[in-house]
């Protein structure tokens, strides 16, 4: 065996073990959202998420939602729906029963009608998880979205509330 090979094997074993432990904190969730859209009326929607824990303090969540109710006066008089697919990094501050968190994310936003090109958007967010016991948490979040498809401002502040299950 070459010198140093044992150290690489130990590093790989440690990384796999930590990954397994971190995945024990992961879990799915569902949420309702209300989003101010700058040039458009506010939209509302429902979504699903999955939180992948990197450590007890850090996680990455993946979200998909369907939002409707958007309409831009003077640009078009048509109802507009948005399907965001987002990934967010969260930094959590675990406290007894409550976990405040903050983070940033990126998303790919599909529009219906599809004559509006899909666009990449960015967000900053902060929220709080409330542990209700038995692996169930309620959460609330405020988010600022930066999104400008075809020169229109769809960015603004949004509110999200939901439920998450942890394993």
Foldseek 3Di string as FASTA:
>chain_A
DDPPPVVVVVVVVVVVVLQVVQQQFKWKKKKKKWFPFQQWHIKIWIKIKIWRGNDPFKIKMWMWIKIWDIAGPPPDGDTKIKIKTKIWIKGWDDDVQKIKIWTKIKIWIQMPVRVFDIWIKMKIKIKMWGDPDPQKIKMKMKMWMATATPNGGGTGIMIMIIMIGTD
